[in-house]
ModelCIF file with pLDDT and N, C-alpha, C, O atoms, coordinates in Angstrom:
data_MODEL
#
_entry.id   MODEL 
#
_entity.id                         1 
_entity.type                       polymer 
_entity.pdbx_number_of_molecules   1 
#
_entity_poly.entity_id                      1 
_entity_poly.type                           'polypeptide(L)' 
_entity_poly.nstd_linkage                   no 
_entity_poly.nstd_monomer                   no 
_entity_poly.pdbx_seq_one_letter_code       KSQLNAESPIKEPGFVPLFIEIHNMQVESFPHLTFTLVPHKENGE 
_entity_poly.pdbx_seq_one_letter_code_can   KSQLNAESPIKEPGFVPLFIEIHNMQVESFPHLTFTLVPHKENGE 
_entity_poly.pdbx_strand_id                 A 
#
loop_
_entity_poly_seq.entity_id 
_entity_poly_seq.num 
_entity_poly_seq.mon_id 
_entity_poly_seq.hetero 
1 1  LYS n 
1 2  SER n 
1 3  GLN n 
1 4  LEU n 
1 5  ASN n 
1 6  ALA n 
1 7  GLU n 
1 8  SER n 
1 9  PRO n 
1 10 ILE n 
1 11 LYS n 
1 12 GLU n 
1 13 PRO n 
1 14 GLY n 
1 15 PHE n 
1 16 VAL n 
1 17 PRO n 
1 18 LEU n 
1 19 PHE n 
1 20 ILE n 
1 21 GLU n 
1 22 ILE n 
1 23 HIS n 
1 24 ASN n 
1 25 MET n 
1 26 GLN n 
1 27 VAL n 
1 28 GLU n 
1 29 SER n 
1 30 PHE n 
1 31 PRO n 
1 32 HIS n 
1 33 LEU n 
1 34 THR n 
1 35 PHE n 
1 36 THR n 
1 37 LEU n 
1 38 VAL n 
1 39 PRO n 
1 40 HIS n 
1 41 LYS n 
1 42 GLU n 
1 43 ASN n 
1 44 GLY n 
1 45 GLU n 
#
_struct_asym.id          A 
_struct_asym.entity_id   1 
#
loop_
_ma_qa_metric.id 
_ma_qa_metric.mode 
_ma_qa_metric.name 
_ma_qa_metric.software_group_id 
_ma_qa_metric.type 
1 global pLDDT . pLDDT 
2 local  pLDDT . pLDDT 
#
_ma_qa_metric_global.metric_id      1 
_ma_qa_metric_global.metric_value   95.18 
_ma_qa_metric_global.model_id       1 
_ma_qa_metric_global.ordinal_id     1 
#
loop_
_ma_qa_metric_local.label_asym_id 
_ma_qa_metric_local.label_comp_id 
_ma_qa_metric_local.label_seq_id 
_ma_qa_metric_local.metric_id 
_ma_qa_metric_local.metric_value 
_ma_qa_metric_local.model_id 
_ma_qa_metric_local.ordinal_id 
A LYS 1  2 98.00 1 1  
A SER 2  2 97.00 1 2  
A GLN 3  2 98.00 1 3  
A LEU 4  2 98.00 1 4  
A ASN 5  2 97.00 1 5  
A ALA 6  2 95.00 1 6  
A GLU 7  2 96.00 1 7  
A SER 8  2 96.00 1 8  
A PRO 9  2 97.00 1 9  
A ILE 10 2 96.00 1 10 
A LYS 11 2 95.00 1 11 
A GLU 12 2 94.00 1 12 
A PRO 13 2 95.00 1 13 
A GLY 14 2 93.00 1 14 
A PHE 15 2 95.00 1 15 
A VAL 16 2 96.00 1 16 
A PRO 17 2 96.00 1 17 
A LEU 18 2 95.00 1 18 
A PHE 19 2 97.00 1 19 
A ILE 20 2 97.00 1 20 
A GLU 21 2 97.00 1 21 
A ILE 22 2 97.00 1 22 
A HIS 23 2 97.00 1 23 
A ASN 24 2 97.00 1 24 
A MET 25 2 96.00 1 25 
A GLN 26 2 96.00 1 26 
A VAL 27 2 96.00 1 27 
A GLU 28 2 96.00 1 28 
A SER 29 2 96.00 1 29 
A PHE 30 2 98.00 1 30 
A PRO 31 2 97.00 1 31 
A HIS 32 2 98.00 1 32 
A LEU 33 2 98.00 1 33 
A THR 34 2 98.00 1 34 
A PHE 35 2 98.00 1 35 
A THR 36 2 97.00 1 36 
A LEU 37 2 97.00 1 37 
A VAL 38 2 95.00 1 38 
A PRO 39 2 90.00 1 39 
A HIS 40 2 82.00 1 40 
A LYS 41 2 84.00 1 41 
A GLU 42 2 87.00 1 42 
A ASN 43 2 91.00 1 43 
A GLY 44 2 90.00 1 44 
A GLU 45 2 94.00 1 45 
#
loop_
_atom_site.group_PDB 
_atom_site.id 
_atom_site.type_symbol 
_atom_site.label_atom_id 
_atom_site.label_alt_id 
_atom_site.label_comp_id 
_atom_site.label_asym_id 
_atom_site.label_entity_id 
_atom_site.label_seq_id 
_atom_site.pdbx_PDB_ins_code 
_atom_site.Cartn_x 
_atom_site.Cartn_y 
_atom_site.Cartn_z 
_atom_site.occupancy 
_atom_site.B_iso_or_equiv 
_atom_site.pdbx_formal_charge 
_atom_site.auth_seq_id 
_atom_site.auth_comp_id 
_atom_site.auth_asym_id 
_atom_site.auth_atom_id 
_atom_site.pdbx_PDB_model_num 
ATOM 1   N N  . LYS A 1 1  ? -157.939 -70.105 -22.052 1.00 98.00 ? 1  LYS A N  1 
ATOM 2   C CA . LYS A 1 1  ? -157.129 -71.226 -22.552 1.00 98.00 ? 1  LYS A CA 1 
ATOM 3   C C  . LYS A 1 1  ? -155.698 -71.126 -22.064 1.00 98.00 ? 1  LYS A C  1 
ATOM 4   O O  . LYS A 1 1  ? -155.129 -72.123 -21.619 1.00 98.00 ? 1  LYS A O  1 
ATOM 5   N N  . SER A 1 2  ? -155.105 -69.949 -22.137 1.00 97.00 ? 2  SER A N  1 
ATOM 6   C CA . SER A 1 2  ? -153.701 -69.805 -21.717 1.00 97.00 ? 2  SER A CA 1 
ATOM 7   C C  . SER A 1 2  ? -153.540 -69.946 -20.206 1.00 97.00 ? 2  SER A C  1 
ATOM 8   O O  . SER A 1 2  ? -152.520 -70.454 -19.742 1.00 97.00 ? 2  SER A O  1 
ATOM 9   N N  . GLN A 1 3  ? -154.524 -69.508 -19.439 1.00 98.00 ? 3  GLN A N  1 
ATOM 10  C CA . GLN A 1 3  ? -154.442 -69.679 -17.987 1.00 98.00 ? 3  GLN A CA 1 
ATOM 11  C C  . GLN A 1 3  ? -154.622 -71.143 -17.590 1.00 98.00 ? 3  GLN A C  1 
ATOM 12  O O  . GLN A 1 3  ? -153.914 -71.634 -16.711 1.00 98.00 ? 3  GLN A O  1 
ATOM 13  N N  . LEU A 1 4  ? -155.557 -71.845 -18.226 1.00 98.00 ? 4  LEU A N  1 
ATOM 14  C CA . LEU A 1 4  ? -155.765 -73.264 -17.905 1.00 98.00 ? 4  LEU A CA 1 
ATOM 15  C C  . LEU A 1 4  ? -154.572 -74.124 -18.329 1.00 98.00 ? 4  LEU A C  1 
ATOM 16  O O  . LEU A 1 4  ? -154.315 -75.167 -17.728 1.00 98.00 ? 4  LEU A O  1 
ATOM 17  N N  . ASN A 1 5  ? -153.853 -73.695 -19.351 1.00 97.00 ? 5  ASN A N  1 
ATOM 18  C CA . ASN A 1 5  ? -152.638 -74.401 -19.777 1.00 97.00 ? 5  ASN A CA 1 
ATOM 19  C C  . ASN A 1 5  ? -151.388 -73.913 -19.058 1.00 97.00 ? 5  ASN A C  1 
ATOM 20  O O  . ASN A 1 5  ? -150.278 -74.312 -19.411 1.00 97.00 ? 5  ASN A O  1 
ATOM 21  N N  . ALA A 1 6  ? -151.554 -73.049 -18.048 1.00 95.00 ? 6  ALA A N  1 
ATOM 22  C CA . ALA A 1 6  ? -150.440 -72.484 -17.277 1.00 95.00 ? 6  ALA A CA 1 
ATOM 23  C C  . ALA A 1 6  ? -149.446 -71.746 -18.179 1.00 95.00 ? 6  ALA A C  1 
ATOM 24  O O  . ALA A 1 6  ? -148.241 -71.765 -17.929 1.00 95.00 ? 6  ALA A O  1 
ATOM 25  N N  . GLU A 1 7  ? -149.956 -71.101 -19.221 1.00 96.00 ? 7  GLU A N  1 
ATOM 26  C CA . GLU A 1 7  ? -149.128 -70.316 -20.124 1.00 96.00 ? 7  GLU A CA 1 
ATOM 27  C C  . GLU A 1 7  ? -149.093 -68.847 -19.712 1.00 96.00 ? 7  GLU A C  1 
ATOM 28  O O  . GLU A 1 7  ? -148.207 -68.102 -20.131 1.00 96.00 ? 7  GLU A O  1 
ATOM 29  N N  . SER A 1 8  ? -150.052 -68.433 -18.895 1.00 96.00 ? 8  SER A N  1 
ATOM 30  C CA . SER A 1 8  ? -150.081 -67.065 -18.385 1.00 96.00 ? 8  SER A CA 1 
ATOM 31  C C  . SER A 1 8  ? -150.688 -67.081 -16.984 1.00 96.00 ? 8  SER A C  1 
ATOM 32  O O  . SER A 1 8  ? -151.486 -67.957 -16.651 1.00 96.00 ? 8  SER A O  1 
ATOM 33  N N  . PRO A 1 9  ? -150.298 -66.100 -16.169 1.00 97.00 ? 9  PRO A N  1 
ATOM 34  C CA . PRO A 1 9  ? -150.779 -66.083 -14.781 1.00 97.00 ? 9  PRO A CA 1 
ATOM 35  C C  . PRO A 1 9  ? -152.238 -65.631 -14.684 1.00 97.00 ? 9  PRO A C  1 
ATOM 36  O O  . PRO A 1 9  ? -152.756 -64.940 -15.562 1.00 97.00 ? 9  PRO A O  1 
ATOM 37  N N  . ILE A 1 10 ? -152.879 -66.040 -13.596 1.00 96.00 ? 10 ILE A N  1 
ATOM 38  C CA . ILE A 1 10 ? -154.233 -65.587 -13.290 1.00 96.00 ? 10 ILE A CA 1 
ATOM 39  C C  . ILE A 1 10 ? -154.093 -64.339 -12.442 1.00 96.00 ? 10 ILE A C  1 
ATOM 40  O O  . ILE A 1 10 ? -153.626 -64.403 -11.304 1.00 96.00 ? 10 ILE A O  1 
ATOM 41  N N  . LYS A 1 11 ? -154.498 -63.203 -12.993 1.00 95.00 ? 11 LYS A N  1 
ATOM 42  C CA . LYS A 1 11 ? -154.362 -61.933 -12.272 1.00 95.00 ? 11 LYS A CA 1 
ATOM 43  C C  . LYS A 1 11 ? -155.614 -61.561 -11.486 1.00 95.00 ? 11 LYS A C  1 
ATOM 44  O O  . LYS A 1 11 ? -155.552 -60.763 -10.551 1.00 95.00 ? 11 LYS A O  1 
ATOM 45  N N  . GLU A 1 12 ? -156.744 -62.141 -11.867 1.00 94.00 ? 12 GLU A N  1 
ATOM 46  C CA . GLU A 1 12 ? -158.006 -61.857 -11.187 1.00 94.00 ? 12 GLU A CA 1 
ATOM 47  C C  . GLU A 1 12 ? -158.255 -62.919 -10.123 1.00 94.00 ? 12 GLU A C  1 
ATOM 48  O O  . GLU A 1 12 ? -158.511 -64.074 -10.464 1.00 94.00 ? 12 GLU A O  1 
ATOM 49  N N  . PRO A 1 13 ? -158.185 -62.555 -8.836  1.00 95.00 ? 13 PRO A N  1 
ATOM 50  C CA . PRO A 1 13 ? -158.352 -63.549 -7.764  1.00 95.00 ? 13 PRO A CA 1 
ATOM 51  C C  . PRO A 1 13 ? -159.674 -64.312 -7.822  1.00 95.00 ? 13 PRO A C  1 
ATOM 52  O O  . PRO A 1 13 ? -159.742 -65.451 -7.359  1.00 95.00 ? 13 PRO A O  1 
ATOM 53  N N  . GLY A 1 14 ? -160.713 -63.717 -8.377  1.00 93.00 ? 14 GLY A N  1 
ATOM 54  C CA . GLY A 1 14 ? -162.011 -64.382 -8.451  1.00 93.00 ? 14 GLY A CA 1 
ATOM 55  C C  . GLY A 1 14 ? -162.026 -65.605 -9.353  1.00 93.00 ? 14 GLY A C  1 
ATOM 56  O O  . GLY A 1 14 ? -162.932 -66.432 -9.253  1.00 93.00 ? 14 GLY A O  1 
ATOM 57  N N  . PHE A 1 15 ? -161.031 -65.737 -10.241 1.00 95.00 ? 15 PHE A N  1 
ATOM 58  C CA . PHE A 1 15 ? -160.967 -66.887 -11.138 1.00 95.00 ? 15 PHE A CA 1 
ATOM 59  C C  . PHE A 1 15 ? -160.283 -68.088 -10.491 1.00 95.00 ? 15 PHE A C  1 
ATOM 60  O O  . PHE A 1 15 ? -160.441 -69.216 -10.960 1.00 95.00 ? 15 PHE A O  1 
ATOM 61  N N  . VAL A 1 16 ? -159.534 -67.862 -9.434  1.00 96.00 ? 16 VAL A N  1 
ATOM 62  C CA . VAL A 1 16 ? -158.733 -68.922 -8.823  1.00 96.00 ? 16 VAL A CA 1 
ATOM 63  C C  . VAL A 1 16 ? -159.578 -70.109 -8.341  1.00 96.00 ? 16 VAL A C  1 
ATOM 64  O O  . VAL A 1 16 ? -159.211 -71.250 -8.623  1.00 96.00 ? 16 VAL A O  1 
ATOM 65  N N  . PRO A 1 17 ? -160.699 -69.892 -7.625  1.00 96.00 ? 17 PRO A N  1 
ATOM 66  C CA . PRO A 1 17 ? -161.480 -71.061 -7.190  1.00 96.00 ? 17 PRO A CA 1 
ATOM 67  C C  . PRO A 1 17 ? -161.961 -71.936 -8.352  1.00 96.00 ? 17 PRO A C  1 
ATOM 68  O O  . PRO A 1 17 ? -161.923 -73.162 -8.251  1.00 96.00 ? 17 PRO A O  1 
ATOM 69  N N  . LEU A 1 18 ? -162.412 -71.326 -9.448  1.00 95.00 ? 18 LEU A N  1 
ATOM 70  C CA . LEU A 1 18 ? -162.844 -72.115 -10.603 1.00 95.00 ? 18 LEU A CA 1 
ATOM 71  C C  . LEU A 1 18 ? -161.664 -72.821 -11.257 1.00 95.00 ? 18 LEU A C  1 
ATOM 72  O O  . LEU A 1 18 ? -161.778 -73.973 -11.676 1.00 95.00 ? 18 LEU A O  1 
ATOM 73  N N  . PHE A 1 19 ? -160.534 -72.132 -11.343 1.00 97.00 ? 19 PHE A N  1 
ATOM 74  C CA . PHE A 1 19 ? -159.321 -72.749 -11.887 1.00 97.00 ? 19 PHE A CA 1 
ATOM 75  C C  . PHE A 1 19 ? -158.979 -74.009 -11.088 1.00 97.00 ? 19 PHE A C  1 
ATOM 76  O O  . PHE A 1 19 ? -158.659 -75.046 -11.670 1.00 97.00 ? 19 PHE A O  1 
ATOM 77  N N  . ILE A 1 20 ? -159.046 -73.921 -9.770  1.00 97.00 ? 20 ILE A N  1 
ATOM 78  C CA . ILE A 1 20 ? -158.724 -75.064 -8.909  1.00 97.00 ? 20 ILE A CA 1 
ATOM 79  C C  . ILE A 1 20 ? -159.732 -76.201 -9.117  1.00 97.00 ? 20 ILE A C  1 
ATOM 80  O O  . ILE A 1 20 ? -159.343 -77.365 -9.206  1.00 97.00 ? 20 ILE A O  1 
ATOM 81  N N  . GLU A 1 21 ? -161.022 -75.865 -9.195  1.00 97.00 ? 21 GLU A N  1 
ATOM 82  C CA . GLU A 1 21 ? -162.055 -76.886 -9.442  1.00 97.00 ? 21 GLU A CA 1 
ATOM 83  C C  . GLU A 1 21 ? -161.804 -77.595 -10.775 1.00 97.00 ? 21 GLU A C  1 
ATOM 84  O O  . GLU A 1 21 ? -161.882 -78.821 -10.857 1.00 97.00 ? 21 GLU A O  1 
ATOM 85  N N  . ILE A 1 22 ? -161.503 -76.820 -11.810 1.00 97.00 ? 22 ILE A N  1 
ATOM 86  C CA . ILE A 1 22 ? -161.237 -77.391 -13.134 1.00 97.00 ? 22 ILE A CA 1 
ATOM 87  C C  . ILE A 1 22 ? -159.999 -78.275 -13.084 1.00 97.00 ? 22 ILE A C  1 
ATOM 88  O O  . ILE A 1 22 ? -160.004 -79.385 -13.617 1.00 97.00 ? 22 ILE A O  1 
ATOM 89  N N  . HIS A 1 23 ? -158.951 -77.794 -12.453 1.00 97.00 ? 23 HIS A N  1 
ATOM 90  C CA . HIS A 1 23 ? -157.715 -78.578 -12.340 1.00 97.00 ? 23 HIS A CA 1 
ATOM 91  C C  . HIS A 1 23 ? -157.965 -79.886 -11.590 1.00 97.00 ? 23 HIS A C  1 
ATOM 92  O O  . HIS A 1 23 ? -157.490 -80.942 -12.009 1.00 97.00 ? 23 HIS A O  1 
ATOM 93  N N  . ASN A 1 24 ? -158.699 -79.820 -10.497 1.00 97.00 ? 24 ASN A N  1 
ATOM 94  C CA . ASN A 1 24 ? -158.986 -81.029 -9.725  1.00 97.00 ? 24 ASN A CA 1 
ATOM 95  C C  . ASN A 1 24 ? -159.798 -82.041 -10.537 1.00 97.00 ? 24 ASN A C  1 
ATOM 96  O O  . ASN A 1 24 ? -159.538 -83.242 -10.469 1.00 97.00 ? 24 ASN A O  1 
ATOM 97  N N  . MET A 1 25 ? -160.777 -81.560 -11.302 1.00 96.00 ? 25 MET A N  1 
ATOM 98  C CA . MET A 1 25 ? -161.560 -82.467 -12.147 1.00 96.00 ? 25 MET A CA 1 
ATOM 99  C C  . MET A 1 25 ? -160.673 -83.101 -13.219 1.00 96.00 ? 25 MET A C  1 
ATOM 100 O O  . MET A 1 25 ? -160.821 -84.277 -13.551 1.00 96.00 ? 25 MET A O  1 
ATOM 101 N N  . GLN A 1 26 ? -159.753 -82.303 -13.752 1.00 96.00 ? 26 GLN A N  1 
ATOM 102 C CA . GLN A 1 26 ? -158.832 -82.837 -14.763 1.00 96.00 ? 26 GLN A CA 1 
ATOM 103 C C  . GLN A 1 26 ? -157.979 -83.955 -14.174 1.00 96.00 ? 26 GLN A C  1 
ATOM 104 O O  . GLN A 1 26 ? -157.844 -85.015 -14.786 1.00 96.00 ? 26 GLN A O  1 
ATOM 105 N N  . VAL A 1 27 ? -157.418 -83.738 -13.025 1.00 96.00 ? 27 VAL A N  1 
ATOM 106 C CA . VAL A 1 27 ? -156.555 -84.727 -12.378 1.00 96.00 ? 27 VAL A CA 1 
ATOM 107 C C  . VAL A 1 27 ? -157.347 -85.973 -11.989 1.00 96.00 ? 27 VAL A C  1 
ATOM 108 O O  . VAL A 1 27 ? -156.883 -87.092 -12.205 1.00 96.00 ? 27 VAL A O  1 
ATOM 109 N N  . GLU A 1 28 ? -158.529 -85.791 -11.420 1.00 96.00 ? 28 GLU A N  1 
ATOM 110 C CA . GLU A 1 28 ? -159.319 -86.907 -10.914 1.00 96.00 ? 28 GLU A CA 1 
ATOM 111 C C  . GLU A 1 28 ? -160.014 -87.723 -12.007 1.00 96.00 ? 28 GLU A C  1 
ATOM 112 O O  . GLU A 1 28 ? -160.150 -88.939 -11.874 1.00 96.00 ? 28 GLU A O  1 
ATOM 113 N N  . SER A 1 29 ? -160.455 -87.069 -13.083 1.00 96.00 ? 29 SER A N  1 
ATOM 114 C CA . SER A 1 29 ? -161.333 -87.756 -14.032 1.00 96.00 ? 29 SER A CA 1 
ATOM 115 C C  . SER A 1 29 ? -160.906 -87.718 -15.499 1.00 96.00 ? 29 SER A C  1 
ATOM 116 O O  . SER A 1 29 ? -161.359 -88.544 -16.291 1.00 96.00 ? 29 SER A O  1 
ATOM 117 N N  . PHE A 1 30 ? -160.045 -86.775 -15.872 1.00 98.00 ? 30 PHE A N  1 
ATOM 118 C CA . PHE A 1 30 ? -159.728 -86.578 -17.286 1.00 98.00 ? 30 PHE A CA 1 
ATOM 119 C C  . PHE A 1 30 ? -158.227 -86.360 -17.515 1.00 98.00 ? 30 PHE A C  1 
ATOM 120 O O  . PHE A 1 30 ? -157.821 -85.252 -17.863 1.00 98.00 ? 30 PHE A O  1 
ATOM 121 N N  . PRO A 1 31 ? -157.406 -87.383 -17.328 1.00 97.00 ? 31 PRO A N  1 
ATOM 122 C CA . PRO A 1 31 ? -155.958 -87.195 -17.469 1.00 97.00 ? 31 PRO A CA 1 
ATOM 123 C C  . PRO A 1 31 ? -155.502 -86.910 -18.899 1.00 97.00 ? 31 PRO A C  1 
ATOM 124 O O  . PRO A 1 31 ? -154.372 -86.472 -19.111 1.00 97.00 ? 31 PRO A O  1 
ATOM 125 N N  . HIS A 1 32 ? -156.373 -87.155 -19.880 1.00 98.00 ? 32 HIS A N  1 
ATOM 126 C CA . HIS A 1 32 ? -156.006 -86.928 -21.288 1.00 98.00 ? 32 HIS A CA 1 
ATOM 127 C C  . HIS A 1 32 ? -156.751 -85.721 -21.849 1.00 98.00 ? 32 HIS A C  1 
ATOM 128 O O  . HIS A 1 32 ? -157.144 -85.711 -23.015 1.00 98.00 ? 32 HIS A O  1 
ATOM 129 N N  . LEU A 1 33 ? -156.942 -84.710 -21.014 1.00 98.00 ? 33 LEU A N  1 
ATOM 130 C CA . LEU A 1 33 ? -157.656 -83.494 -21.382 1.00 98.00 ? 33 LEU A CA 1 
ATOM 131 C C  . LEU A 1 33 ? -156.677 -82.446 -21.884 1.00 98.00 ? 33 LEU A C  1 
ATOM 132 O O  . LEU A 1 33 ? -155.643 -82.196 -21.265 1.00 98.00 ? 33 LEU A O  1 
ATOM 133 N N  . THR A 1 34 ? -157.019 -81.832 -23.020 1.00 98.00 ? 34 THR A N  1 
ATOM 134 C CA . THR A 1 34 ? -156.230 -80.708 -23.534 1.00 98.00 ? 34 THR A CA 1 
ATOM 135 C C  . THR A 1 34 ? -157.166 -79.529 -23.778 1.00 98.00 ? 34 THR A C  1 
ATOM 136 O O  . THR A 1 34 ? -158.339 -79.705 -24.109 1.00 98.00 ? 34 THR A O  1 
ATOM 137 N N  . PHE A 1 35 ? -156.630 -78.334 -23.609 1.00 98.00 ? 35 PHE A N  1 
ATOM 138 C CA . PHE A 1 35 ? -157.374 -77.106 -23.859 1.00 98.00 ? 35 PHE A CA 1 
ATOM 139 C C  . PHE A 1 35 ? -156.803 -76.456 -25.108 1.00 98.00 ? 35 PHE A C  1 
ATOM 140 O O  . PHE A 1 35 ? -155.600 -76.207 -25.181 1.00 98.00 ? 35 PHE A O  1 
ATOM 141 N N  . THR A 1 36 ? -157.651 -76.179 -26.093 1.00 97.00 ? 36 THR A N  1 
ATOM 142 C CA . THR A 1 36 ? -157.205 -75.545 -27.326 1.00 97.00 ? 36 THR A CA 1 
ATOM 143 C C  . THR A 1 36 ? -158.104 -74.351 -27.636 1.00 97.00 ? 36 THR A C  1 
ATOM 144 O O  . THR A 1 36 ? -159.236 -74.258 -27.160 1.00 97.00 ? 36 THR A O  1 
ATOM 145 N N  . LEU A 1 37 ? -157.573 -73.450 -28.439 1.00 97.00 ? 37 LEU A N  1 
ATOM 146 C CA . LEU A 1 37 ? -158.310 -72.260 -28.836 1.00 97.00 ? 37 LEU A CA 1 
ATOM 147 C C  . LEU A 1 37 ? -159.017 -72.522 -30.157 1.00 97.00 ? 37 LEU A C  1 
ATOM 148 O O  . LEU A 1 37 ? -158.438 -73.099 -31.077 1.00 97.00 ? 37 LEU A O  1 
ATOM 149 N N  . VAL A 1 38 ? -160.261 -72.098 -30.244 1.00 95.00 ? 38 VAL A N  1 
ATOM 150 C CA . VAL A 1 38 ? -161.026 -72.205 -31.483 1.00 95.00 ? 38 VAL A CA 1 
ATOM 151 C C  . VAL A 1 38 ? -161.602 -70.812 -31.768 1.00 95.00 ? 38 VAL A C  1 
ATOM 152 O O  . VAL A 1 38 ? -162.141 -70.170 -30.867 1.00 95.00 ? 38 VAL A O  1 
ATOM 153 N N  . PRO A 1 39 ? -161.491 -70.347 -33.008 1.00 90.00 ? 39 PRO A N  1 
ATOM 154 C CA . PRO A 1 39 ? -162.081 -69.042 -33.339 1.00 90.00 ? 39 PRO A CA 1 
ATOM 155 C C  . PRO A 1 39 ? -163.597 -69.060 -33.131 1.00 90.00 ? 39 PRO A C  1 
ATOM 156 O O  . PRO A 1 39 ? -164.242 -70.098 -33.280 1.00 90.00 ? 39 PRO A O  1 
ATOM 157 N N  . HIS A 1 40 ? -164.154 -67.898 -32.785 1.00 82.00 ? 40 HIS A N  1 
ATOM 158 C CA . HIS A 1 40 ? -165.608 -67.802 -32.559 1.00 82.00 ? 40 HIS A CA 1 
ATOM 159 C C  . HIS A 1 40 ? -166.391 -68.367 -33.738 1.00 82.00 ? 40 HIS A C  1 
ATOM 160 O O  . HIS A 1 40 ? -167.414 -69.024 -33.543 1.00 82.00 ? 40 HIS A O  1 
ATOM 161 N N  . LYS A 1 41 ? -165.918 -68.117 -34.968 1.00 84.00 ? 41 LYS A N  1 
ATOM 162 C CA . LYS A 1 41 ? -166.667 -68.574 -36.150 1.00 84.00 ? 41 LYS A CA 1 
ATOM 163 C C  . LYS A 1 41 ? -166.710 -70.100 -36.240 1.00 84.00 ? 41 LYS A C  1 
ATOM 164 O O  . LYS A 1 41 ? -167.594 -70.647 -36.899 1.00 84.00 ? 41 LYS A O  1 
ATOM 165 N N  . GLU A 1 42 ? -165.767 -70.801 -35.587 1.00 87.00 ? 42 GLU A N  1 
ATOM 166 C CA . GLU A 1 42 ? -165.775 -72.262 -35.575 1.00 87.00 ? 42 GLU A CA 1 
ATOM 167 C C  . GLU A 1 42 ? -166.460 -72.817 -34.327 1.00 87.00 ? 42 GLU A C  1 
ATOM 168 O O  . GLU A 1 42 ? -166.474 -74.027 -34.100 1.00 87.00 ? 42 GLU A O  1 
ATOM 169 N N  . ASN A 1 43 ? -167.017 -71.933 -33.536 1.00 91.00 ? 43 ASN A N  1 
ATOM 170 C CA . ASN A 1 43 ? -167.712 -72.319 -32.313 1.00 91.00 ? 43 ASN A CA 1 
ATOM 171 C C  . ASN A 1 43 ? -169.198 -71.978 -32.450 1.00 91.00 ? 43 ASN A C  1 
ATOM 172 O O  . ASN A 1 43 ? -169.851 -71.563 -31.493 1.00 91.00 ? 43 ASN A O  1 
ATOM 173 N N  . GLY A 1 44 ? -169.716 -72.168 -33.684 1.00 90.00 ? 44 GLY A N  1 
ATOM 174 C CA . GLY A 1 44 ? -171.072 -71.734 -34.018 1.00 90.00 ? 44 GLY A CA 1 
ATOM 175 C C  . GLY A 1 44 ? -172.171 -72.363 -33.194 1.00 90.00 ? 44 GLY A C  1 
ATOM 176 O O  . GLY A 1 44 ? -173.132 -71.684 -32.833 1.00 90.00 ? 44 GLY A O  1 
ATOM 177 N N  . GLU A 1 45 ? -172.054 -73.654 -32.884 1.00 94.00 ? 45 GLU A N  1 
ATOM 178 C CA . GLU A 1 45 ? -173.112 -74.298 -32.096 1.00 94.00 ? 45 GLU A CA 1 
ATOM 179 C C  . GLU A 1 45 ? -173.175 -73.705 -30.691 1.00 94.00 ? 45 GLU A C  1 
ATOM 180 O O  . GLU A 1 45 ? -174.004 -74.121 -29.882 1.00 94.00 ? 45 GLU A O  1 
#
């Protein structure tokens, strides 16, 4: 969540391609997209 919100750097180079794909999809298709943190217990499904 913090990396996708540009709140912390991506230190693992292997994550960069997925980060770019996600960012491109956000720009192209979902301009009103937000990333938020949810505790595991609230992510039951």
